[in-house]
């Protein structure tokens, strides 16, 4: 019998630091990958035409060949994940080359466990990650994205907290999609929406005749999620007796259907979520302390929308694409966007999505103006941006006063957008190049 030699996956290496590129090549070979290292003198077409699973990008400098190689790879292999060795790669110059693809940061100095984990994820990747992406570039959402990246490939139990409507289930689905369980089921259940006396059956299943109305046997969510991920939403609303039963299953990794003595193994990853303050609930004896610590192995807090106002333009763009019809492109005016940025958003992204769906029905195409917004969204002042003061004897020089107001508005917009010039320009309704000139003129860094 002839043994088949396993196919060795190729990994591209693009780095002007030749010593590091050579070291990467040695490490990749040791990990049973075939490195394809870019050479300034080699053919770009030959480099980029080979099928690979990932691109490790280091320093690119001003090399025209390396820039062409990056562009060619991005065009020829649109689903190719990029593993960044240096932060300078993900700058504005390369924004088009890095768009719409997974970008995973590699810690320096290199750690074999992390590189191996990311490359195994790259082998599984086929473009699915884009469907479950978390939108935004604010510091808080980038922190959430980093935590997801760190925990995805481990079987660790995750507790996602945050206000209602912030996207906690999206976090859970993204973790599942990035994990090695991605091909197995993702099974969600809302623990607060099911009566306490039925939740046990929903989770563990039941046998025929186990209780009144059990006319046939039924598999529970643990069985349905076997090998995959079980998402326990609103875990804080679970009754105390049910918490005891859940804790036992988490500890022993097995369970029984209601009305059965047969023990079933539970090979599932648990991700729980709640909008409640569980430590406070523990103190009030409304939630078991032992279950809390069992769930809170790796906590992730999803920020509320009012604390990530700089993400609003990106969220609006994505939601408008989802809800717009066939009548044409739908967009929001800068004035309307500024008003929305000042709203408190008690319903968070869920409320924003409902608003966009409503607007898409009322205004199928064209631009949504400030006056098109419901009244409560128009009455809120723009956050962190002071209104111009009236003229006084000390500000009779109109040009100086207007420059002072303009400088102040630019500083506030840059702060609200966390230093991202493009977002600040959108908040101020001006061209990015114009804002860059004004930043230089006013010496705003």
Protein backbone atom coordinates (compact mmCIF):
# COMPACT_ATOMS: atom_id res chain seq x y z
CA UNK A 1 0.00 0.00 0.00
CA UNK A 2 1.42 3.38 -1.04
CA UNK A 3 1.33 6.06 1.67
CA UNK A 4 0.25 9.52 0.53
CA UNK A 5 2.57 12.36 1.53
CA UNK A 6 0.54 15.11 3.23
CA UNK A 7 0.41 18.44 1.44
CA UNK A 8 2.59 21.09 3.05
CA UNK A 9 0.83 24.45 3.32
CA UNK A 10 2.65 27.51 2.00
CA UNK A 11 3.03 30.71 4.03
CA UNK A 12 4.13 33.95 2.37
CA UNK A 13 6.68 36.12 4.15
CA UNK A 14 6.99 39.79 3.19
CA UNK A 15 9.64 41.58 5.24
CA UNK A 16 12.46 43.96 4.28
CA UNK A 17 14.22 42.82 7.45
CA UNK A 18 16.07 39.96 5.73
CA UNK A 19 17.43 38.48 8.97
CA UNK A 20 13.96 38.18 10.47
CA UNK A 21 12.56 36.82 7.19
CA UNK A 22 15.23 34.11 7.21
CA UNK A 23 14.47 33.27 10.84
CA UNK A 24 10.75 33.07 10.03
CA UNK A 25 11.56 30.69 7.20
CA UNK A 26 13.47 28.37 9.55
CA UNK A 27 10.64 28.44 12.12
CA UNK A 28 7.96 27.75 9.52
CA UNK A 29 9.84 24.75 8.16
CA UNK A 30 10.25 23.41 11.69
CA UNK A 31 6.46 23.75 12.11
CA UNK A 32 5.89 21.80 8.83
CA UNK A 33 4.93 24.81 6.71
CA UNK A 34 6.62 25.83 3.48
CA UNK A 35 7.80 29.47 3.59
CA UNK A 36 7.62 31.57 0.41
CA UNK A 37 9.91 34.51 1.16
CA UNK A 38 9.71 37.64 -0.97
CA UNK A 39 12.93 38.78 -2.61
CA UNK A 40 13.36 42.30 -3.93
CA UNK A 41 15.06 40.87 -7.02
CA UNK A 42 12.64 38.01 -7.64
CA UNK A 43 9.57 38.07 -9.90
CA UNK A 44 6.55 39.54 -8.14
CA UNK A 45 4.19 37.53 -10.35
CA UNK A 46 5.96 34.29 -9.43
CA UNK A 47 5.83 35.15 -5.74
CA UNK A 48 2.12 36.06 -5.65
CA UNK A 49 0.81 33.38 -8.00
CA UNK A 50 1.39 30.46 -5.62
CA UNK A 51 -1.50 29.26 -3.44
CA UNK A 52 -0.91 29.88 0.26
CA UNK A 53 -2.78 29.97 3.55
CA UNK A 54 -1.44 33.22 5.07
CA UNK A 55 0.86 36.19 4.58
CA UNK A 56 3.22 37.25 7.36
CA UNK A 57 3.91 40.97 6.88
CA UNK A 58 6.84 42.66 8.58
CA UNK A 59 8.58 45.89 7.63
CA UNK A 60 7.76 47.00 4.09
CA UNK A 61 9.65 50.29 3.99
CA UNK A 62 9.64 52.11 0.65
CA UNK A 63 10.23 49.01 -1.47
CA UNK A 64 8.16 49.31 -4.63
CA UNK A 65 8.44 45.56 -5.25
CA UNK A 66 7.12 44.72 -1.79
CA UNK A 67 4.20 47.10 -2.21
CA UNK A 68 3.38 45.50 -5.57
CA UNK A 69 3.62 42.05 -4.00
CA UNK A 70 1.19 43.08 -1.26
CA UNK A 71 -1.28 44.49 -3.78
CA UNK A 72 -1.02 41.47 -6.06
CA UNK A 73 -1.58 39.02 -3.22
CA UNK A 74 -4.55 41.05 -1.98
CA UNK A 75 -6.07 40.95 -5.47
CA UNK A 76 -5.31 37.35 -6.42
CA UNK A 77 -6.10 35.80 -3.03
CA UNK A 78 -8.85 37.97 -1.48
CA UNK A 79 -9.41 35.62 1.47
CA UNK A 80 -5.75 35.35 2.45
CA UNK A 81 -5.31 36.23 6.16
CA UNK A 82 -2.56 38.72 7.00
CA UNK A 83 -0.40 38.19 10.10
CA UNK A 84 1.13 41.53 11.07
CA UNK A 85 4.59 41.57 12.63
CA UNK A 86 4.78 45.38 12.81
CA UNK A 87 2.04 47.92 13.56
CA UNK A 88 3.31 50.28 10.85
CA UNK A 89 1.92 47.98 8.15
CA UNK A 90 -1.71 48.66 9.11
CA UNK A 91 -1.50 52.36 8.36
CA UNK A 92 -3.46 54.52 5.96
CA UNK A 93 -1.07 53.85 3.07
CA UNK A 94 -2.06 50.19 3.02
CA UNK A 95 -5.75 50.62 3.89
CA UNK A 96 -6.99 49.44 0.50
CA UNK A 97 -4.66 46.43 0.44
CA UNK A 98 -5.78 45.30 3.90
CA UNK A 99 -9.52 45.92 3.45
CA UNK A 100 -12.13 43.17 3.89
CA UNK A 101 -9.78 40.48 5.14
CA UNK A 102 -8.76 39.09 8.54
CA UNK A 103 -5.77 40.88 10.05
CA UNK A 104 -4.19 39.11 13.01
CA UNK A 105 -1.50 40.73 15.14
CA UNK A 106 1.57 38.65 15.99
CA UNK A 107 3.38 39.47 19.22
CA UNK A 108 7.09 40.22 19.10
CA UNK A 109 9.33 38.50 19.95
CA UNK A 110 7.69 35.57 18.22
CA UNK A 111 6.01 32.92 20.33
CA UNK A 112 5.70 29.55 18.63
CA UNK A 113 2.39 28.69 20.32
CA UNK A 114 0.75 31.87 19.03
CA UNK A 115 2.12 31.52 15.48
CA UNK A 116 1.07 27.87 15.35
CA UNK A 117 -2.41 28.75 16.58
CA UNK A 118 -2.86 31.53 14.01
CA UNK A 119 -1.60 29.42 11.13
CA UNK A 120 -3.95 26.57 12.07
CA UNK A 121 -6.77 29.11 12.05
CA UNK A 122 -5.59 30.34 8.64
CA UNK A 123 -5.82 26.78 7.30
CA UNK A 124 -9.49 26.70 8.33
CA UNK A 125 -10.30 30.18 7.04
CA UNK A 126 -12.32 30.51 3.84
CA UNK A 127 -13.80 34.00 4.00
CA UNK A 128 -16.54 33.18 6.50
CA UNK A 129 -15.16 35.50 9.16
CA UNK A 130 -16.38 38.59 7.29
CA UNK A 131 -20.01 37.66 7.92
CA UNK A 132 -19.58 37.96 11.67
CA UNK A 133 -17.21 40.90 11.90
CA UNK A 134 -17.50 43.36 14.74
CA UNK A 135 -17.72 46.85 13.28
CA UNK A 136 -15.74 49.79 14.60
CA UNK A 137 -12.24 51.10 15.20
CA UNK A 138 -12.64 52.77 18.62
CA UNK A 139 -10.22 51.86 21.37
CA UNK A 140 -12.88 49.98 23.33
CA UNK A 141 -14.05 47.87 20.39
CA UNK A 142 -10.47 47.15 19.34
CA UNK A 143 -9.89 45.84 22.87
CA UNK A 144 -12.91 43.53 22.51
CA UNK A 145 -11.62 42.34 19.14
CA UNK A 146 -8.20 41.61 20.65
CA UNK A 147 -9.73 39.60 23.50
CA UNK A 148 -11.76 37.57 21.01
CA UNK A 149 -8.62 36.82 19.01
CA UNK A 150 -6.80 35.71 22.14
CA UNK A 151 -9.46 33.34 23.49
CA UNK A 152 -11.02 31.95 20.29
CA UNK A 153 -8.74 28.95 19.80
CA UNK A 154 -8.96 27.79 23.40
CA UNK A 155 -11.85 25.87 24.95
CA UNK A 156 -12.08 28.41 27.75
CA UNK A 157 -15.50 29.41 29.12
CA UNK A 158 -16.27 33.05 28.26
CA UNK A 159 -18.61 35.47 30.04
CA UNK A 160 -19.77 38.39 27.88
CA UNK A 161 -21.23 41.33 29.77
CA UNK A 162 -22.74 44.63 28.68
CA UNK A 163 -25.99 46.49 28.31
CA UNK A 164 -28.87 45.05 26.28
CA UNK A 165 -28.46 45.54 22.56
CA UNK A 166 -24.68 45.96 22.53
CA UNK A 167 -24.05 42.83 20.43
CA UNK A 168 -23.12 40.18 22.98
CA UNK A 169 -24.35 37.33 20.78
CA UNK A 170 -22.21 38.67 17.92
CA UNK A 171 -19.19 38.36 20.20
CA UNK A 172 -20.13 34.76 20.97
CA UNK A 173 -20.66 33.89 17.30
CA UNK A 174 -17.34 35.51 16.34
CA UNK A 175 -15.50 33.49 18.98
CA UNK A 176 -17.14 30.33 17.65
CA UNK A 177 -16.35 31.18 14.01
CA UNK A 178 -12.68 31.75 14.83
CA UNK A 179 -12.32 28.59 16.92
CA UNK A 180 -11.50 25.05 15.85
CA UNK A 181 -15.18 24.26 16.56
CA UNK A 182 -16.31 26.52 13.68
CA UNK A 183 -17.55 23.56 11.59
CA UNK A 184 -19.67 22.29 14.48
CA UNK A 185 -23.01 23.74 15.71
CA UNK A 186 -23.44 27.10 17.40
CA UNK A 187 -26.55 26.74 19.58
CA UNK A 188 -27.99 29.80 21.38
CA UNK A 189 -30.60 29.76 24.13
CA UNK A 190 -32.11 32.70 26.00
CA UNK A 191 -32.25 31.59 29.63
CA UNK A 192 -34.52 34.50 30.57
CA UNK A 193 -37.14 33.84 27.89
CA UNK A 194 -37.95 30.25 28.94
CA UNK A 195 -40.00 29.47 32.08
CA UNK A 196 -37.91 27.99 34.88
CA UNK A 197 -39.83 24.70 34.90
CA UNK A 198 -39.14 24.18 31.16
CA UNK A 199 -35.52 25.34 31.01
CA UNK A 200 -34.14 22.02 32.30
CA UNK A 201 -35.84 20.15 29.47
CA UNK A 202 -34.67 22.74 26.92
CA UNK A 203 -31.06 22.40 28.05
CA UNK A 204 -30.79 18.67 28.73
CA UNK A 205 -33.68 17.19 26.73
CA UNK A 206 -36.28 14.69 27.96
CA UNK A 207 -37.57 11.19 27.39
CA UNK A 208 -41.08 10.28 26.30
CA UNK A 209 -43.47 10.46 29.25
CA UNK A 210 -40.98 12.28 31.49
CA UNK A 211 -43.67 14.82 32.32
CA UNK A 212 -47.18 15.80 31.23
CA UNK A 213 -47.05 16.77 27.55
CA UNK A 214 -43.79 14.89 26.80
CA UNK A 215 -45.35 12.81 24.01
CA UNK A 216 -41.98 11.96 22.47
CA UNK A 217 -38.28 12.05 23.34
CA UNK A 218 -36.45 15.25 22.57
CA UNK A 219 -32.77 16.24 22.47
CA UNK A 220 -31.75 19.29 24.50
CA UNK A 221 -29.43 22.15 23.60
CA UNK A 222 -26.40 20.40 25.08
CA UNK A 223 -26.91 17.48 22.70
CA UNK A 224 -27.57 19.76 19.74
CA UNK A 225 -24.36 21.67 20.46
CA UNK A 226 -22.20 18.54 20.83
CA UNK A 227 -18.70 19.34 19.57
CA UNK A 228 -19.58 23.00 19.10
CA UNK A 229 -20.56 26.01 21.19
CA UNK A 230 -23.51 26.53 23.53
CA UNK A 231 -24.40 30.19 24.04
CA UNK A 232 -26.29 30.81 27.29
CA UNK A 233 -27.77 34.27 26.81
CA UNK A 234 -29.15 36.21 29.80
CA UNK A 235 -27.62 33.73 32.23
CA UNK A 236 -28.33 36.20 35.04
CA UNK A 237 -32.06 35.47 34.74
CA UNK A 238 -31.65 31.74 35.43
CA UNK A 239 -33.37 30.48 38.61
CA UNK A 240 -31.25 29.33 41.56
CA UNK A 241 -32.37 25.65 41.35
CA UNK A 242 -31.46 25.59 37.65
CA UNK A 243 -28.10 27.20 38.42
CA UNK A 244 -27.26 24.24 40.65
CA UNK A 245 -28.03 21.76 37.86
CA UNK A 246 -26.04 23.75 35.30
CA UNK A 247 -23.06 23.99 37.64
CA UNK A 248 -23.03 20.20 38.07
CA UNK A 249 -22.96 19.69 34.29
CA UNK A 250 -20.14 22.20 33.85
CA UNK A 251 -18.10 20.48 36.54
CA UNK A 252 -18.70 16.86 35.49
CA UNK A 253 -18.94 17.38 31.71
CA UNK A 254 -21.93 15.06 31.52
CA UNK A 255 -25.72 15.16 32.00
CA UNK A 256 -28.93 13.15 31.84
CA UNK A 257 -32.11 13.82 29.93
CA UNK A 258 -35.14 14.51 32.10
CA UNK A 259 -36.71 11.12 32.87
CA UNK A 260 -33.60 9.11 31.90
CA UNK A 261 -30.80 7.40 33.82
CA UNK A 262 -28.45 7.30 30.83
CA UNK A 263 -25.40 9.55 31.22
CA UNK A 264 -24.46 11.61 28.15
CA UNK A 265 -21.12 13.32 27.69
CA UNK A 266 -21.08 17.09 27.11
CA UNK A 267 -18.30 18.09 24.73
CA UNK A 268 -19.38 21.71 24.30
CA UNK A 269 -17.79 25.09 24.77
CA UNK A 270 -19.80 27.39 27.02
CA UNK A 271 -20.17 31.11 26.29
CA UNK A 272 -22.54 32.94 28.63
CA UNK A 273 -23.83 36.50 28.46
CA UNK A 274 -25.78 38.86 30.69
CA UNK A 275 -26.72 42.52 31.02
CA UNK A 276 -26.88 42.17 34.81
CA UNK A 277 -24.20 42.99 37.37
CA UNK A 278 -23.43 39.40 38.43
CA UNK A 279 -21.07 40.31 41.33
CA UNK A 280 -23.88 42.41 42.79
CA UNK A 281 -26.32 39.55 42.19
CA UNK A 282 -23.95 37.22 44.04
CA UNK A 283 -23.88 39.58 47.03
CA UNK A 284 -27.67 39.76 46.96
CA UNK A 285 -27.75 35.93 46.89
CA UNK A 286 -29.61 35.99 43.57
CA UNK A 287 -26.81 34.23 41.70
CA UNK A 288 -24.58 31.40 42.91
CA UNK A 289 -21.02 32.46 43.61
CA UNK A 290 -19.55 29.10 42.54
CA UNK A 291 -21.37 29.26 39.19
CA UNK A 292 -20.21 32.84 38.66
CA UNK A 293 -16.57 31.85 39.05
CA UNK A 294 -17.12 28.81 36.84
CA UNK A 295 -18.46 31.09 34.06
CA UNK A 296 -16.20 34.10 34.58
CA UNK A 297 -12.99 32.41 33.42
CA UNK A 298 -12.45 34.85 30.55
CA UNK A 299 -14.64 37.98 30.83
CA UNK A 300 -15.34 40.27 27.87
CA UNK A 301 -17.29 43.50 28.36
CA UNK A 302 -19.10 44.84 25.31
CA UNK A 303 -19.10 48.67 25.44
CA UNK A 304 -22.35 50.59 25.09
CA UNK A 305 -22.86 52.66 21.94
CA UNK A 306 -22.75 56.04 23.69
CA UNK A 307 -19.17 55.27 24.78
CA UNK A 308 -18.04 54.45 21.24
CA UNK A 309 -19.59 57.32 19.29
CA UNK A 310 -16.60 57.37 16.91
CA UNK A 311 -17.82 53.99 15.54
CA UNK A 312 -21.19 55.43 14.55
CA UNK A 313 -20.25 56.27 10.90
CA UNK A 314 -19.01 52.72 10.27
CA UNK A 315 -22.05 51.19 11.98
CA UNK A 316 -24.39 53.40 9.97
CA UNK A 317 -22.68 52.46 6.69
CA UNK A 318 -23.00 48.75 7.44
CA UNK A 319 -26.63 48.96 8.58
CA UNK A 320 -27.62 51.11 5.59
CA UNK A 321 -26.19 48.49 3.23
CA UNK A 322 -28.17 45.78 5.05
CA UNK A 323 -31.49 47.64 4.97
CA UNK A 324 -31.44 49.60 1.71
CA UNK A 325 -33.70 48.32 -1.03
CA UNK A 326 -33.34 48.20 -4.80
CA UNK A 327 -34.24 51.86 -5.33
CA UNK A 328 -30.68 53.12 -4.93
CA UNK A 329 -27.99 53.96 -2.44
CA UNK A 330 -29.11 55.32 0.92
CA UNK A 331 -26.87 57.67 2.90
CA UNK A 332 -27.03 59.97 5.91
CA UNK A 333 -26.15 63.65 5.81
CA UNK A 334 -23.27 64.92 7.99
CA UNK A 335 -25.69 67.03 10.05
CA UNK A 336 -27.93 64.03 10.74
CA UNK A 337 -24.89 61.92 11.62
CA UNK A 338 -23.69 64.55 14.09
CA UNK A 339 -27.10 64.63 15.74
CA UNK A 340 -27.14 60.84 16.04
CA UNK A 341 -23.66 60.94 17.58
CA UNK A 342 -25.06 63.09 20.39
CA UNK A 343 -27.92 60.75 21.26
CA UNK A 344 -27.54 58.57 24.38
CA UNK A 345 -28.68 55.31 22.67
CA UNK A 346 -30.29 53.47 25.62
CA UNK A 347 -31.12 50.61 23.25
CA UNK A 348 -27.58 50.56 21.84
CA UNK A 349 -26.93 48.94 18.45
CA UNK A 350 -30.31 47.20 18.46
CA UNK A 351 -32.01 50.61 18.66
CA UNK A 352 -29.73 51.96 15.93
CA UNK A 353 -30.59 49.02 13.67
CA UNK A 354 -34.32 49.55 14.24
CA UNK A 355 -33.95 53.25 13.41
CA UNK A 356 -32.05 52.53 10.18
CA UNK A 357 -34.67 49.96 9.13
CA UNK A 358 -37.42 52.51 9.75
CA UNK A 359 -35.57 55.21 7.78
CA UNK A 360 -34.93 52.80 4.92
CA UNK A 361 -38.68 52.21 4.63
CA UNK A 362 -39.57 55.91 4.77
CA UNK A 363 -36.71 57.06 2.50
CA UNK A 364 -35.80 54.22 0.09
CA UNK A 365 -33.02 56.20 -1.64
CA UNK A 366 -31.06 59.43 -1.50
CA UNK A 367 -29.78 61.30 1.53
CA UNK A 368 -31.39 61.26 4.96
CA UNK A 369 -31.31 64.81 6.31
CA UNK A 370 -31.46 66.06 9.87
CA UNK A 371 -35.16 66.87 9.48
CA UNK A 372 -35.89 63.30 8.38
CA UNK A 373 -34.84 61.93 11.78
CA UNK A 374 -37.48 61.33 14.47
CA UNK A 375 -37.71 64.26 16.87
CA UNK A 376 -35.93 62.67 19.84
CA UNK A 377 -32.80 62.10 17.72
CA UNK A 378 -32.77 65.71 16.48
CA UNK A 379 -33.01 67.40 19.87
CA UNK A 380 -29.77 66.04 21.32
CA UNK A 381 -26.74 68.35 21.07
CA UNK A 382 -23.52 67.11 19.49
CA UNK A 383 -21.39 65.48 22.22
CA UNK A 384 -18.14 67.04 23.38
CA UNK A 385 -18.45 69.93 20.91
CA UNK A 386 -19.13 73.32 22.45
CA UNK A 387 -21.50 75.70 20.74
CA UNK A 388 -19.88 78.95 19.49
CA UNK A 389 -20.16 81.76 22.01
CA UNK A 390 -21.81 85.04 21.11
CA UNK A 391 -19.58 87.98 20.20
CA UNK A 392 -18.38 90.18 23.04
CA UNK A 393 -16.13 93.26 23.10
CA UNK A 394 -13.20 90.88 23.64
CA UNK A 395 -14.03 88.93 20.46
CA UNK A 396 -14.87 91.68 18.05
CA UNK A 397 -12.13 90.56 15.67
CA UNK A 398 -14.41 88.19 13.73
CA UNK A 399 -11.63 86.35 11.90
CA UNK A 400 -9.70 85.59 15.10
CA UNK A 401 -12.84 84.48 16.88
CA UNK A 402 -13.90 82.15 14.07
CA UNK A 403 -10.43 80.64 13.91
CA UNK A 404 -10.55 80.02 17.65
CA UNK A 405 -13.95 78.34 17.33
CA UNK A 406 -12.76 76.28 14.37
CA UNK A 407 -9.62 75.14 16.20
CA UNK A 408 -11.70 74.14 19.21
CA UNK A 409 -14.18 72.18 17.08
CA UNK A 410 -11.35 70.36 15.30
CA UNK A 411 -9.74 69.41 18.62
CA UNK A 412 -13.05 68.07 19.93
CA UNK A 413 -13.72 66.13 16.72
CA UNK A 414 -10.23 64.60 16.80
CA UNK A 415 -10.78 63.60 20.41
CA UNK A 416 -14.21 62.10 19.66
CA UNK A 417 -12.74 60.10 16.76
CA UNK A 418 -9.77 58.99 18.87
CA UNK A 419 -7.27 60.60 16.50
CA UNK A 420 -8.60 59.05 13.28
CA UNK A 421 -8.43 61.92 10.76
CA UNK A 422 -10.90 60.40 8.30
CA UNK A 423 -13.60 60.00 10.98
CA UNK A 424 -12.99 63.49 12.34
CA UNK A 425 -13.37 64.90 8.83
CA UNK A 426 -16.73 63.18 8.49
CA UNK A 427 -17.90 64.59 11.82
CA UNK A 428 -16.87 68.07 10.67
CA UNK A 429 -18.34 67.62 7.16
CA UNK A 430 -15.08 68.52 5.41
CA UNK A 431 -12.61 66.84 3.11
CA UNK A 432 -9.85 64.85 4.76
CA UNK A 433 -7.15 66.81 2.91
CA UNK A 434 -8.68 70.06 4.15
CA UNK A 435 -8.64 68.81 7.72
CA UNK A 436 -5.00 67.73 7.39
CA UNK A 437 -4.10 71.27 6.29
CA UNK A 438 -5.97 72.79 9.22
CA UNK A 439 -4.34 70.38 11.67
CA UNK A 440 -0.96 71.58 10.43
CA UNK A 441 -1.99 75.24 10.51
CA UNK A 442 -3.30 75.07 14.07
CA UNK A 443 -0.45 72.76 15.16
CA UNK A 444 -2.86 70.13 16.45
CA UNK A 445 -1.09 66.80 16.98
